[in-house]
C-alpha atoms as a PDB file:
ATOM      1  CA  MET A   1     110.938  68.580  83.234  1.00  0.00           C
ATOM      2  CA  THR A   2     109.605  71.469  81.075  1.00  0.00           C
ATOM      3  CA  ALA A   3     107.008  73.760  81.966  1.00  0.00           C
ATOM      4  CA  LEU A   4     104.655  71.939  79.620  1.00  0.00           C
ATOM      5  CA  SER A   5     105.319  68.441  81.197  1.00  0.00           C
ATOM      6  CA  GLN A   6     104.580  70.139  84.474  1.00  0.00           C
ATOM      7  CA  ARG A   7     101.379  71.629  83.678  1.00  0.00           C
ATOM      8  CA  LEU A   8     100.285  68.264  82.296  1.00  0.00           C
ATOM      9  CA  HIS A   9     101.301  66.156  85.343  1.00  0.00           C
ATOM     10  CA  GLY A  10      99.370  68.611  87.076  1.00  0.00           C
ATOM     11  CA  TYR A  11      96.043  68.232  85.110  1.00  0.00           C
ATOM     12  CA  LEU A  12      96.373  64.752  85.325  1.00  0.00           C
ATOM     13  CA  ASP A  13      96.788  64.678  88.961  1.00  0.00           C
ATOM     14  CA  ARG A  14      93.744  66.569  89.155  1.00  0.00           C
ATOM     15  CA  PHE A  15      91.620  64.307  87.298  1.00  0.00           C
ATOM     16  CA  SER A  16      89.671  62.962  90.417  1.00  0.00           C
ATOM     17  CA  ASP A  17      87.906  66.316  90.401  1.00  0.00           C
ATOM     18  CA  ALA A  18      86.670  66.213  86.981  1.00  0.00           C
ATOM     19  CA  ARG A  19      83.095  65.781  86.482  1.00  0.00           C
ATOM     20  CA  VAL A  20      81.805  64.824  83.252  1.00  0.00           C
ATOM     21  CA  LEU A  21      78.293  63.736  81.772  1.00  0.00           C
ATOM     22  CA  VAL A  22      78.621  61.404  78.538  1.00  0.00           C
ATOM     23  CA  ILE A  23      75.290  61.190  76.473  1.00  0.00           C
ATOM     24  CA  GLY A  24      75.170  59.210  73.504  1.00  0.00           C
ATOM     25  CA  ASP A  25      74.885  56.305  71.959  1.00  0.00           C
ATOM     26  CA  LEU A  26      75.309  53.003  73.749  1.00  0.00           C
ATOM     27  CA  MET A  27      76.305  49.809  72.196  1.00  0.00           C
ATOM     28  CA  LEU A  28      77.513  46.290  73.753  1.00  0.00           C
ATOM     29  CA  ASP A  29      80.527  45.247  71.676  1.00  0.00           C
ATOM     30  CA  HIS A  30      80.165  41.188  71.979  1.00  0.00           C
ATOM     31  CA  TYR A  31      83.222  39.283  70.981  1.00  0.00           C
ATOM     32  CA  VAL A  32      82.946  35.458  69.999  1.00  0.00           C
ATOM     33  CA  TRP A  33      86.698  34.230  70.149  1.00  0.00           C
ATOM     34  CA  GLY A  34      87.749  30.754  68.526  1.00  0.00           C
ATOM     35  CA  ARG A  35      89.780  28.737  66.255  1.00  0.00           C
ATOM     36  CA  VAL A  36      89.634  27.860  62.686  1.00  0.00           C
ATOM     37  CA  GLN A  37      91.166  24.491  61.595  1.00  0.00           C
ATOM     38  CA  ARG A  38      88.448  23.887  58.604  1.00  0.00           C
ATOM     39  CA  ILE A  39      86.515  25.279  55.322  1.00  0.00           C
ATOM     40  CA  SER A  40      82.893  24.483  55.720  1.00  0.00           C
ATOM     41  CA  PRO A  41      81.782  21.615  53.369  1.00  0.00           C
ATOM     42  CA  GLU A  42      78.346  23.633  52.600  1.00  0.00           C
ATOM     43  CA  ALA A  43      79.937  26.910  51.983  1.00  0.00           C
ATOM     44  CA  PRO A  44      83.332  28.298  51.127  1.00  0.00           C
ATOM     45  CA  VAL A  45      83.350  29.908  54.628  1.00  0.00           C
ATOM     46  CA  PRO A  46      85.680  29.091  57.436  1.00  0.00           C
ATOM     47  CA  VAL A  47      84.271  27.111  60.388  1.00  0.00           C
ATOM     48  CA  VAL A  48      85.185  28.520  63.998  1.00  0.00           C
ATOM     49  CA  ASP A  49      85.399  26.215  66.709  1.00  0.00           C
ATOM     50  CA  VAL A  50      84.423  28.708  69.641  1.00  0.00           C
ATOM     51  CA  THR A  51      86.482  28.556  72.884  1.00  0.00           C
ATOM     52  CA  SER A  52      84.958  31.539  74.742  1.00  0.00           C
ATOM     53  CA  GLU A  53      82.943  34.919  74.624  1.00  0.00           C
ATOM     54  CA  SER A  54      83.171  38.343  76.352  1.00  0.00           C
ATOM     55  CA  VAL A  55      81.296  41.950  76.009  1.00  0.00           C
ATOM     56  CA  MET A  56      82.443  45.133  76.480  1.00  0.00           C
ATOM     57  CA  LEU A  57      80.842  48.723  76.854  1.00  0.00           C
ATOM     58  CA  GLY A  58      81.071  50.056  72.935  1.00  0.00           C
ATOM     59  CA  GLY A  59      79.941  53.690  71.846  1.00  0.00           C
ATOM     60  CA  ALA A  60      79.301  56.166  74.719  1.00  0.00           C
ATOM     61  CA  GLY A  61      79.895  53.384  77.144  1.00  0.00           C
ATOM     62  CA  ASN A  62      83.433  53.379  76.121  1.00  0.00           C
ATOM     63  CA  VAL A  63      83.697  57.331  76.509  1.00  0.00           C
ATOM     64  CA  PHE A  64      82.362  56.587  79.704  1.00  0.00           C
ATOM     65  CA  LEU A  65      84.823  53.821  80.587  1.00  0.00           C
ATOM     66  CA  ASN A  66      88.055  56.154  79.566  1.00  0.00           C
ATOM     67  CA  LEU A  67      87.043  59.049  81.603  1.00  0.00           C
ATOM     68  CA  ALA A  68      86.780  56.093  84.462  1.00  0.00           C
ATOM     69  CA  SER A  69      89.919  54.828  83.828  1.00  0.00           C
ATOM     70  CA  LEU A  70      91.597  57.905  84.344  1.00  0.00           C
ATOM     71  CA  GLY A  71      90.048  58.652  87.307  1.00  0.00           C
ATOM     72  CA  ALA A  72      87.092  61.093  86.409  1.00  0.00           C
ATOM     73  CA  SER A  73      83.782  61.338  88.203  1.00  0.00           C
ATOM     74  CA  VAL A  74      81.250  60.217  85.242  1.00  0.00           C
ATOM     75  CA  ARG A  75      77.812  60.050  84.435  1.00  0.00           C
ATOM     76  CA  VAL A  76      76.327  58.300  81.239  1.00  0.00           C
ATOM     77  CA  CYS A  77      73.158  58.889  79.602  1.00  0.00           C
ATOM     78  CA  GLY A  78      71.720  56.820  76.774  1.00  0.00           C
ATOM     79  CA  VAL A  79      68.925  54.212  75.344  1.00  0.00           C
ATOM     80  CA  ILE A  80      68.857  50.353  75.609  1.00  0.00           C
ATOM     81  CA  GLY A  81      66.127  47.758  74.654  1.00  0.00           C
ATOM     82  CA  GLN A  82      64.301  45.229  76.719  1.00  0.00           C
ATOM     83  CA  ASP A  83      66.441  42.124  75.641  1.00  0.00           C
ATOM     84  CA  ALA A  84      69.472  40.618  77.136  1.00  0.00           C
ATOM     85  CA  ALA A  85      72.103  42.751  75.586  1.00  0.00           C
ATOM     86  CA  GLY A  86      70.536  46.407  77.462  1.00  0.00           C
ATOM     87  CA  GLU A  87      70.550  43.934  80.916  1.00  0.00           C
ATOM     88  CA  ALA A  88      74.244  42.723  79.907  1.00  0.00           C
ATOM     89  CA  LEU A  89      75.265  46.353  79.461  1.00  0.00           C
ATOM     90  CA  LEU A  90      73.795  47.577  82.538  1.00  0.00           C
ATOM     91  CA  ASP A  91      75.665  44.611  84.318  1.00  0.00           C
ATOM     92  CA  VAL A  92      78.893  46.025  82.852  1.00  0.00           C
ATOM     93  CA  LEU A  93      77.931  49.538  84.186  1.00  0.00           C
ATOM     94  CA  ARG A  94      77.119  48.435  87.649  1.00  0.00           C
ATOM     95  CA  GLY A  95      80.378  46.573  87.404  1.00  0.00           C
ATOM     96  CA  GLN A  96      82.074  49.794  86.863  1.00  0.00           C
ATOM     97  CA  GLY A  97      80.364  51.452  89.757  1.00  0.00           C
ATOM     98  CA  ALA A  98      78.374  53.201  87.334  1.00  0.00           C
ATOM     99  CA  PRO A  99      75.157  55.342  88.266  1.00  0.00           C
ATOM    100  CA  VAL A 100      72.806  54.048  86.162  1.00  0.00           C
ATOM    101  CA  ASP A 101      69.782  56.015  86.540  1.00  0.00           C
ATOM    102  CA  GLY A 102      70.262  57.875  83.201  1.00  0.00           C
ATOM    103  CA  ILE A 103      69.699  54.880  81.120  1.00  0.00           C
ATOM    104  CA  VAL A 104      66.432  54.775  79.465  1.00  0.00           C
ATOM    105  CA  CYS A 105      64.546  51.561  78.280  1.00  0.00           C
ATOM    106  CA  GLU A 106      63.011  51.822  75.361  1.00  0.00           C
ATOM    107  CA  GLU A 107      59.989  49.257  74.665  1.00  0.00           C
ATOM    108  CA  GLY A 108      60.330  47.703  71.382  1.00  0.00           C
ATOM    109  CA  ARG A 109      63.770  49.064  70.312  1.00  0.00           C
ATOM    110  CA  PRO A 110      67.113  46.607  70.515  1.00  0.00           C
ATOM    111  CA  THR A 111      69.938  47.272  72.461  1.00  0.00           C
ATOM    112  CA  THR A 112      72.828  48.130  69.867  1.00  0.00           C
ATOM    113  CA  GLN A 113      75.158  45.232  69.854  1.00  0.00           C
ATOM    114  CA  LYS A 114      78.210  44.318  67.392  1.00  0.00           C
ATOM    115  CA  THR A 115      79.260  40.897  67.510  1.00  0.00           C
ATOM    116  CA  ARG A 116      82.528  40.240  66.508  1.00  0.00           C
ATOM    117  CA  VAL A 117      83.517  36.769  65.439  1.00  0.00           C
ATOM    118  CA  VAL A 118      87.320  36.640  65.899  1.00  0.00           C
ATOM    119  CA  ALA A 119      89.837  33.849  65.421  1.00  0.00           C
ATOM    120  CA  HIS A 120      93.425  33.613  65.640  1.00  0.00           C
ATOM    121  CA  GLN A 121      93.525  37.494  66.468  1.00  0.00           C
ATOM    122  CA  GLN A 122      91.755  38.428  62.931  1.00  0.00           C
ATOM    123  CA  GLN A 123      88.175  39.154  62.581  1.00  0.00           C
ATOM    124  CA  VAL A 124      86.198  36.695  60.519  1.00  0.00           C
ATOM    125  CA  VAL A 125      82.953  38.516  60.746  1.00  0.00           C
ATOM    126  CA  ARG A 126      80.907  41.172  62.484  1.00  0.00           C
ATOM    127  CA  PHE A 127      77.273  41.395  62.481  1.00  0.00           C
ATOM    128  CA  ASP A 128      75.201  44.334  64.338  1.00  0.00           C
ATOM    129  CA  ARG A 129      71.714  44.576  65.769  1.00  0.00           C
ATOM    130  CA  GLU A 130      70.391  47.817  66.334  1.00  0.00           C
ATOM    131  CA  ARG A 131      67.512  50.554  64.694  1.00  0.00           C
ATOM    132  CA  ARG A 132      68.995  53.919  63.539  1.00  0.00           C
ATOM    133  CA  GLY A 133      65.659  55.773  63.718  1.00  0.00           C
ATOM    134  CA  GLU A 134      65.095  58.315  65.938  1.00  0.00           C
ATOM    135  CA  ILE A 135      64.201  57.281  69.246  1.00  0.00           C
ATOM    136  CA  ALA A 136      60.296  57.867  71.146  1.00  0.00           C
ATOM    137  CA  PRO A 137      59.383  60.665  71.997  1.00  0.00           C
ATOM    138  CA  LYS A 138      58.606  59.707  75.615  1.00  0.00           C
ATOM    139  CA  THR A 139      62.416  58.336  75.682  1.00  0.00           C
ATOM    140  CA  HIS A 140      63.448  61.993  74.408  1.00  0.00           C
ATOM    141  CA  ALA A 141      62.016  63.508  77.034  1.00  0.00           C
ATOM    142  CA  ARG A 142      63.006  61.417  79.367  1.00  0.00           C
ATOM    143  CA  LEU A 143      66.827  61.861  78.696  1.00  0.00           C
ATOM    144  CA  LEU A 144      66.022  65.880  78.379  1.00  0.00           C
ATOM    145  CA  ASP A 145      64.792  65.817  81.880  1.00  0.00           C
ATOM    146  CA  TYR A 146      68.048  63.864  83.111  1.00  0.00           C
ATOM    147  CA  LEU A 147      70.318  66.270  81.604  1.00  0.00           C
ATOM    148  CA  GLU A 148      68.417  69.432  83.257  1.00  0.00           C
ATOM    149  CA  GLY A 149      68.691  67.439  86.472  1.00  0.00           C
ATOM    150  CA  HIS A 150      72.500  66.986  86.444  1.00  0.00           C
ATOM    151  CA  LEU A 151      73.765  69.759  84.455  1.00  0.00           C
ATOM    152  CA  ASP A 152      74.536  71.653  87.686  1.00  0.00           C
ATOM    153  CA  ASP A 153      76.537  68.500  88.735  1.00  0.00           C
ATOM    154  CA  VAL A 154      79.225  68.455  86.360  1.00  0.00           C
ATOM    155  CA  GLN A 155      81.924  70.948  84.513  1.00  0.00           C
ATOM    156  CA  CYS A 156      81.716  68.972  80.694  1.00  0.00           C
ATOM    157  CA  VAL A 157      79.238  67.347  78.743  1.00  0.00           C
ATOM    158  CA  VAL A 158      80.657  64.827  76.050  1.00  0.00           C
ATOM    159  CA  VAL A 159      78.517  64.244  73.255  1.00  0.00           C
ATOM    160  CA  SER A 160      79.063  60.788  71.759  1.00  0.00           C
ATOM    161  CA  ASP A 161      77.001  60.590  68.694  1.00  0.00           C
ATOM    162  CA  TYR A 162      77.115  57.276  66.163  1.00  0.00           C
ATOM    163  CA  ALA A 163      73.893  58.276  64.749  1.00  0.00           C
ATOM    164  CA  LYS A 164      71.805  55.616  66.138  1.00  0.00           C
ATOM    165  CA  GLY A 165      69.080  58.311  67.195  1.00  0.00           C
ATOM    166  CA  VAL A 166      69.963  59.547  70.505  1.00  0.00           C
ATOM    167  CA  ILE A 167      71.466  62.571  69.257  1.00  0.00           C
ATOM    168  CA  SER A 168      68.836  64.752  67.691  1.00  0.00           C
ATOM    169  CA  GLU A 169      68.821  68.873  66.801  1.00  0.00           C
ATOM    170  CA  ASP A 170      66.534  69.296  69.260  1.00  0.00           C
ATOM    171  CA  LEU A 171      68.627  67.468  71.883  1.00  0.00           C
ATOM    172  CA  MET A 172      71.586  69.308  71.088  1.00  0.00           C
ATOM    173  CA  ARG A 173      69.364  72.770  70.759  1.00  0.00           C
ATOM    174  CA  ARG A 174      68.360  72.395  74.466  1.00  0.00           C
ATOM    175  CA  LEU A 175      71.601  71.012  75.785  1.00  0.00           C
ATOM    176  CA  THR A 176      73.591  73.754  74.476  1.00  0.00           C
ATOM    177  CA  ALA A 177      71.378  76.075  75.614  1.00  0.00           C
ATOM    178  CA  SER A 178      71.070  74.870  79.067  1.00  0.00           C
ATOM    179  CA  ALA A 179      74.386  74.177  79.203  1.00  0.00           C
ATOM    180  CA  SER A 180      75.555  77.756  78.292  1.00  0.00           C
ATOM    181  CA  GLN A 181      73.615  79.193  81.014  1.00  0.00           C
ATOM    182  CA  ARG A 182      75.307  76.987  83.465  1.00  0.00           C
ATOM    183  CA  GLY A 183      78.809  77.717  82.228  1.00  0.00           C
ATOM    184  CA  VAL A 184      79.150  74.263  81.201  1.00  0.00           C
ATOM    185  CA  THR A 185      81.605  72.611  78.256  1.00  0.00           C
ATOM    186  CA  VAL A 186      79.847  70.811  75.458  1.00  0.00           C
ATOM    187  CA  MET A 187      82.428  68.431  73.393  1.00  0.00           C
ATOM    188  CA  VAL A 188      81.203  66.712  70.521  1.00  0.00           C
ATOM    189  CA  ASP A 189      82.552  63.798  68.872  1.00  0.00           C
ATOM    190  CA  PRO A 190      80.645  63.867  65.665  1.00  0.00           C
ATOM    191  CA  LYS A 191      78.942  62.249  62.840  1.00  0.00           C
ATOM    192  CA  VAL A 192      78.910  64.083  59.472  1.00  0.00           C
ATOM    193  CA  PRO A 193      75.314  64.280  58.546  1.00  0.00           C
ATOM    194  CA  HIS A 194      74.802  65.697  62.175  1.00  0.00           C
ATOM    195  CA  MET A 195      76.904  68.575  61.888  1.00  0.00           C
ATOM    196  CA  ALA A 196      74.569  71.147  62.132  1.00  0.00           C
ATOM    197  CA  PHE A 197      73.319  69.842  65.163  1.00  0.00           C
ATOM    198  CA  TYR A 198      76.317  70.857  67.042  1.00  0.00           C
ATOM    199  CA  ARG A 199      76.061  74.636  66.355  1.00  0.00           C
ATOM    200  CA  GLY A 200      76.824  76.459  69.999  1.00  0.00           C
ATOM    201  CA  SER A 201      78.920  73.434  71.293  1.00  0.00           C
ATOM    202  CA  HIS A 202      82.505  74.489  72.208  1.00  0.00           C
ATOM    203  CA  ILE A 203      84.553  72.018  70.314  1.00  0.00           C
ATOM    204  CA  VAL A 204      84.143  69.317  68.234  1.00  0.00           C
ATOM    205  CA  THR A 205      86.731  66.454  67.490  1.00  0.00           C
ATOM    206  CA  PRO A 206      86.011  64.908  63.630  1.00  0.00           C
ATOM    207  CA  ASN A 207      88.814  62.789  61.943  1.00  0.00           C
ATOM    208  CA  HIS A 208      90.429  64.561  58.894  1.00  0.00           C
ATOM    209  CA  LEU A 209      87.980  62.578  56.689  1.00  0.00           C
ATOM    210  CA  GLU A 210      84.877  63.600  58.956  1.00  0.00           C
ATOM    211  CA  ALA A 211      86.322  67.543  58.343  1.00  0.00           C
ATOM    212  CA  GLY A 212      86.926  67.273  54.659  1.00  0.00           C
ATOM    213  CA  GLN A 213      83.001  65.862  54.090  1.00  0.00           C
ATOM    214  CA  ALA A 214      81.590  68.381  56.766  1.00  0.00           C
ATOM    215  CA  THR A 215      83.019  70.820  54.624  1.00  0.00           C
ATOM    216  CA  ASP A 216      83.327  70.099  51.085  1.00  0.00           C
ATOM    217  CA  ILE A 217      86.920  70.360  51.533  1.00  0.00           C
ATOM    218  CA  GLU A 218      89.177  67.502  49.872  1.00  0.00           C
ATOM    219  CA  ILE A 219      92.050  67.668  52.786  1.00  0.00           C
ATOM    220  CA  THR A 220      95.272  67.021  51.089  1.00  0.00           C
ATOM    221  CA  ASP A 221      97.778  69.401  52.575  1.00  0.00           C
ATOM    222  CA  ASP A 222      98.261  71.843  55.234  1.00  0.00           C
ATOM    223  CA  GLU A 223      96.732  74.513  53.700  1.00  0.00           C
ATOM    224  CA  SER A 224      93.232  72.655  53.104  1.00  0.00           C
ATOM    225  CA  LEU A 225      93.171  71.576  56.471  1.00  0.00           C
ATOM    226  CA  ARG A 226      93.676  74.872  57.839  1.00  0.00           C
ATOM    227  CA  ARG A 227      90.469  76.015  55.693  1.00  0.00           C
ATOM    228  CA  ALA A 228      88.678  73.065  56.914  1.00  0.00           C
ATOM    229  CA  GLY A 229      89.152  73.836  60.375  1.00  0.00           C
ATOM    230  CA  ARG A 230      88.504  77.355  59.831  1.00  0.00           C
ATOM    231  CA  ARG A 231      85.098  76.715  58.036  1.00  0.00           C
ATOM    232  CA  LEU A 232      84.049  74.553  60.533  1.00  0.00           C
ATOM    233  CA  LEU A 233      84.512  76.789  63.716  1.00  0.00           C
ATOM    234  CA  GLU A 234      82.587  79.500  61.703  1.00  0.00           C
ATOM    235  CA  LEU A 235      79.924  76.519  60.725  1.00  0.00           C
ATOM    236  CA  LEU A 236      79.713  75.993  64.330  1.00  0.00           C
ATOM    237  CA  ASP A 237      80.166  78.592  65.760  1.00  0.00           C
ATOM    238  CA  ALA A 238      82.650  76.867  68.256  1.00  0.00           C
ATOM    239  CA  GLN A 239      85.594  77.852  70.390  1.00  0.00           C
ATOM    240  CA  ALA A 240      87.644  75.077  68.935  1.00  0.00           C
ATOM    241  CA  VAL A 241      88.142  72.409  66.146  1.00  0.00           C
ATOM    242  CA  LEU A 242      90.512  69.204  66.856  1.00  0.00           C
ATOM    243  CA  VAL A 243      90.907  67.519  64.054  1.00  0.00           C
ATOM    244  CA  THR A 244      92.432  64.055  64.545  1.00  0.00           C
ATOM    245  CA  ARG A 245      94.847  62.892  61.322  1.00  0.00           C
ATOM    246  CA  GLY A 246      96.008  59.601  62.849  1.00  0.00           C
ATOM    247  CA  GLU A 247      99.728  59.153  62.077  1.00  0.00           C
ATOM    248  CA  HIS A 248      99.874  62.803  61.425  1.00  0.00           C
ATOM    249  CA  GLY A 249      98.455  63.659  65.021  1.00  0.00           C
ATOM    250  CA  MET A 250      96.026  66.116  65.476  1.00  0.00           C
ATOM    251  CA  SER A 251      95.318  69.677  64.617  1.00  0.00           C
ATOM    252  CA  LEU A 252      93.480  72.638  66.527  1.00  0.00           C
ATOM    253  CA  PHE A 253      91.922  75.216  65.678  1.00  0.00           C
ATOM    254  CA  GLU A 254      90.816  78.095  67.740  1.00  0.00           C
ATOM    255  CA  ALA A 255      87.963  80.950  67.199  1.00  0.00           C
ATOM    256  CA  GLU A 256      90.485  83.387  68.138  1.00  0.00           C
ATOM    257  CA  GLY A 257      92.638  82.349  65.370  1.00  0.00           C
ATOM    258  CA  ALA A 258      95.352  80.256  66.988  1.00  0.00           C
ATOM    259  CA  GLU A 259      96.278  77.008  65.629  1.00  0.00           C
ATOM    260  CA  SER A 260      98.292  74.152  67.297  1.00  0.00           C
ATOM    261  CA  HIS A 261      99.723  71.243  65.490  1.00  0.00           C
ATOM    262  CA  VAL A 262     100.272  68.176  67.995  1.00  0.00           C
ATOM    263  CA  PRO A 263     102.598  65.455  66.323  1.00  0.00           C
ATOM    264  CA  THR A 264     101.644  61.768  66.964  1.00  0.00           C
ATOM    265  CA  VAL A 265     103.475  60.124  69.847  1.00  0.00           C
ATOM    266  CA  ALA A 266     102.613  56.591  69.218  1.00  0.00           C
ATOM    267  CA  GLN A 267     105.489  54.270  68.925  1.00  0.00           C
ATOM    268  CA  GLN A 268     103.508  51.546  67.488  1.00  0.00           C
ATOM    269  CA  VAL A 269      99.821  51.418  66.210  1.00  0.00           C
ATOM    270  CA  PHE A 270      98.476  47.989  66.726  1.00  0.00           C
ATOM    271  CA  ASP A 271      94.652  48.939  66.661  1.00  0.00           C
ATOM    272  CA  VAL A 272      93.256  52.175  66.417  1.00  0.00           C
ATOM    273  CA  THR A 273      89.381  51.185  67.761  1.00  0.00           C
ATOM    274  CA  GLY A 274      87.770  52.975  70.308  1.00  0.00           C
ATOM    275  CA  ALA A 275      91.120  55.653  70.209  1.00  0.00           C
ATOM    276  CA  GLY A 276      88.586  58.848  69.267  1.00  0.00           C
ATOM    277  CA  ASP A 277      86.754  57.825  72.353  1.00  0.00           C
ATOM    278  CA  THR A 278      89.976  57.948  74.535  1.00  0.00           C
ATOM    279  CA  VAL A 279      90.767  61.687  73.035  1.00  0.00           C
ATOM    280  CA  ILE A 280      87.726  63.039  73.566  1.00  0.00           C
ATOM    281  CA  ALA A 281      87.351  61.314  77.077  1.00  0.00           C
ATOM    282  CA  THR A 282      91.170  63.033  78.072  1.00  0.00           C
ATOM    283  CA  LEU A 283      90.262  66.029  76.766  1.00  0.00           C
ATOM    284  CA  ALA A 284      86.765  66.233  78.772  1.00  0.00           C
ATOM    285  CA  ALA A 285      88.731  65.695  81.822  1.00  0.00           C
ATOM    286  CA  ALA A 286      91.451  67.934  81.255  1.00  0.00           C
ATOM    287  CA  ARG A 287      89.230  70.822  80.527  1.00  0.00           C
ATOM    288  CA  ALA A 288      87.129  69.949  83.127  1.00  0.00           C
ATOM    289  CA  VAL A 289      90.492  70.581  85.620  1.00  0.00           C
ATOM    290  CA  GLY A 290      91.255  74.011  84.097  1.00  0.00           C
ATOM    291  CA  ALA A 291      93.244  73.134  80.910  1.00  0.00           C
ATOM    292  CA  ASP A 292      93.368  75.463  77.908  1.00  0.00           C
ATOM    293  CA  TRP A 293      92.706  73.776  74.573  1.00  0.00           C
ATOM    294  CA  ARG A 294      96.120  73.337  73.775  1.00  0.00           C
ATOM    295  CA  ASP A 295      97.381  71.801  76.950  1.00  0.00           C
ATOM    296  CA  ALA A 296      94.060  69.815  76.737  1.00  0.00           C
ATOM    297  CA  ALA A 297      94.648  68.435  73.271  1.00  0.00           C
ATOM    298  CA  THR A 298      98.168  67.578  73.814  1.00  0.00           C
ATOM    299  CA  LEU A 299      97.246  65.698  76.756  1.00  0.00           C
ATOM    300  CA  ALA A 300      94.823  63.695  74.728  1.00  0.00           C
ATOM    301  CA  ASN A 301      97.012  62.972  71.945  1.00  0.00           C
ATOM    302  CA  CYS A 302      99.480  61.460  74.507  1.00  0.00           C
ATOM    303  CA  ALA A 303      96.607  59.170  75.929  1.00  0.00           C
ATOM    304  CA  ALA A 304      95.460  58.192  72.252  1.00  0.00           C
ATOM    305  CA  GLY A 305      99.340  57.327  71.520  1.00  0.00           C
ATOM    306  CA  TYR A 306      99.171  54.966  74.754  1.00  0.00           C
ATOM    307  CA  VAL A 307      96.080  53.302  73.405  1.00  0.00           C
ATOM    308  CA  VAL A 308      96.593  52.563  69.600  1.00  0.00           C
ATOM    309  CA  GLY A 309      99.673  50.110  71.040  1.00  0.00           C
ATOM    310  CA  LEU A 310      97.506  48.221  72.349  1.00  0.00           C
ATOM    311  CA  VAL A 311      95.425  45.150  70.599  1.00  0.00           C
ATOM    312  CA  GLY A 312      91.642  45.848  70.780  1.00  0.00           C
ATOM    313  CA  THR A 313      89.550  48.586  72.660  1.00  0.00           C
ATOM    314  CA  ALA A 314      91.870  50.198  75.443  1.00  0.00           C
ATOM    315  CA  THR A 315      91.891  52.468  77.892  1.00  0.00           C
ATOM    316  CA  VAL A 316      94.474  54.319  80.066  1.00  0.00           C
ATOM    317  CA  LYS A 317      95.075  54.923  83.741  1.00  0.00           C
ATOM    318  CA  PRO A 318      96.436  57.603  85.212  1.00  0.00           C
ATOM    319  CA  ASP A 319     100.086  56.138  86.037  1.00  0.00           C
ATOM    320  CA  ALA A 320     100.547  54.850  82.448  1.00  0.00           C
ATOM    321  CA  LEU A 321      99.548  58.419  81.003  1.00  0.00           C
ATOM    322  CA  HIS A 322     101.990  59.641  83.194  1.00  0.00           C
ATOM    323  CA  ARG A 323     104.780  57.694  81.995  1.00  0.00           C
ATOM    324  CA  GLN A 324     103.855  58.849  78.220  1.00  0.00           C
ATOM    325  CA  ILE A 325     103.712  62.337  79.111  1.00  0.00           C
ATOM    326  CA  ASP A 326     107.348  61.547  80.168  1.00  0.00           C
ATOM    327  CA  GLU A 327     108.345  59.565  77.062  1.00  0.00           C
ATOM    328  CA  SER A 328     106.800  61.871  74.590  1.00  0.00           C
ATOM    329  CA  LEU A 329     107.576  65.142  75.606  1.00  0.00           C
ATOM    330  CA  ASP A 330     111.332  64.017  75.860  1.00  0.00           C
ATOM    331  CA  GLU A 331     111.236  62.374  72.647  1.00  0.00           C
ATOM    332  CA  ARG A 332     110.063  65.716  70.912  1.00  0.00           C
ATOM    333  CA  SER A 333     112.713  67.998  73.106  1.00  0.00           C
ATOM    334  CA  ARG A 334     115.521  65.836  71.533  1.00  0.00           C
END
């Protein structure tokens, strides 16, 4: 067993000591499952005979699920509406044993819900119910109060921004200031229009398209990738930037000049849904138990390599990640 493998297994064994707070846009993923046997006589569209329905946590909720699956202690903070989708979302969280005191219900605002109709393992249509505008000032104040009241209880805060209204410039400014005073790490899964909000965060995790859009640099090779990564570090005054690159793995750029390129470990890619949530969740858990950025990124890459080999939004448990570490590092050493 290599020294790197020993370190990664060691961090994973301590994930139960990780204490993380997730704040961001909560979503309910609603799936309608069925089969298609005919085309509608009313319009050229398939008729789906519904066989079942299911709901799952999406957005910031999926980051929570990934952390909980890894064994970390997690709090979640976000906004729902006074509707059936909001109740369903709370029921799923309670079923996972999650504290829900950080969930604010805002009157007149719908819970973000994405409904996917799936027939024969193919998505037929998706329709969304959501409001993307800013949350109400009272809601904003309650979120900030919750953050202030729990920052002393955690080592890391994960910001899961889907641009649905929860994450604002004011919230990020106050969060980064308070977290800095307490020595709490702030990690952001970003949205390009909000990139300036994240200044002062410790790390952001854009994909390569987002990194290019945020810096106005077309990423076509290693050199342009390097320029984009360094530019983001400068713009955000961050400790690190982790650019996820799909089948090309990940590239980590650190403020003091170090660069690490982590090749993908995925053997087969069936579904990339939620892979970014898995990356930042694993990164947070690893950082919370003392991993440096490079080791944390390597562990996150192993976790992502596992979940993309599964169909649908997935999470990884410690036993599976232990096996993935052994398989991926053994493959790299050949």
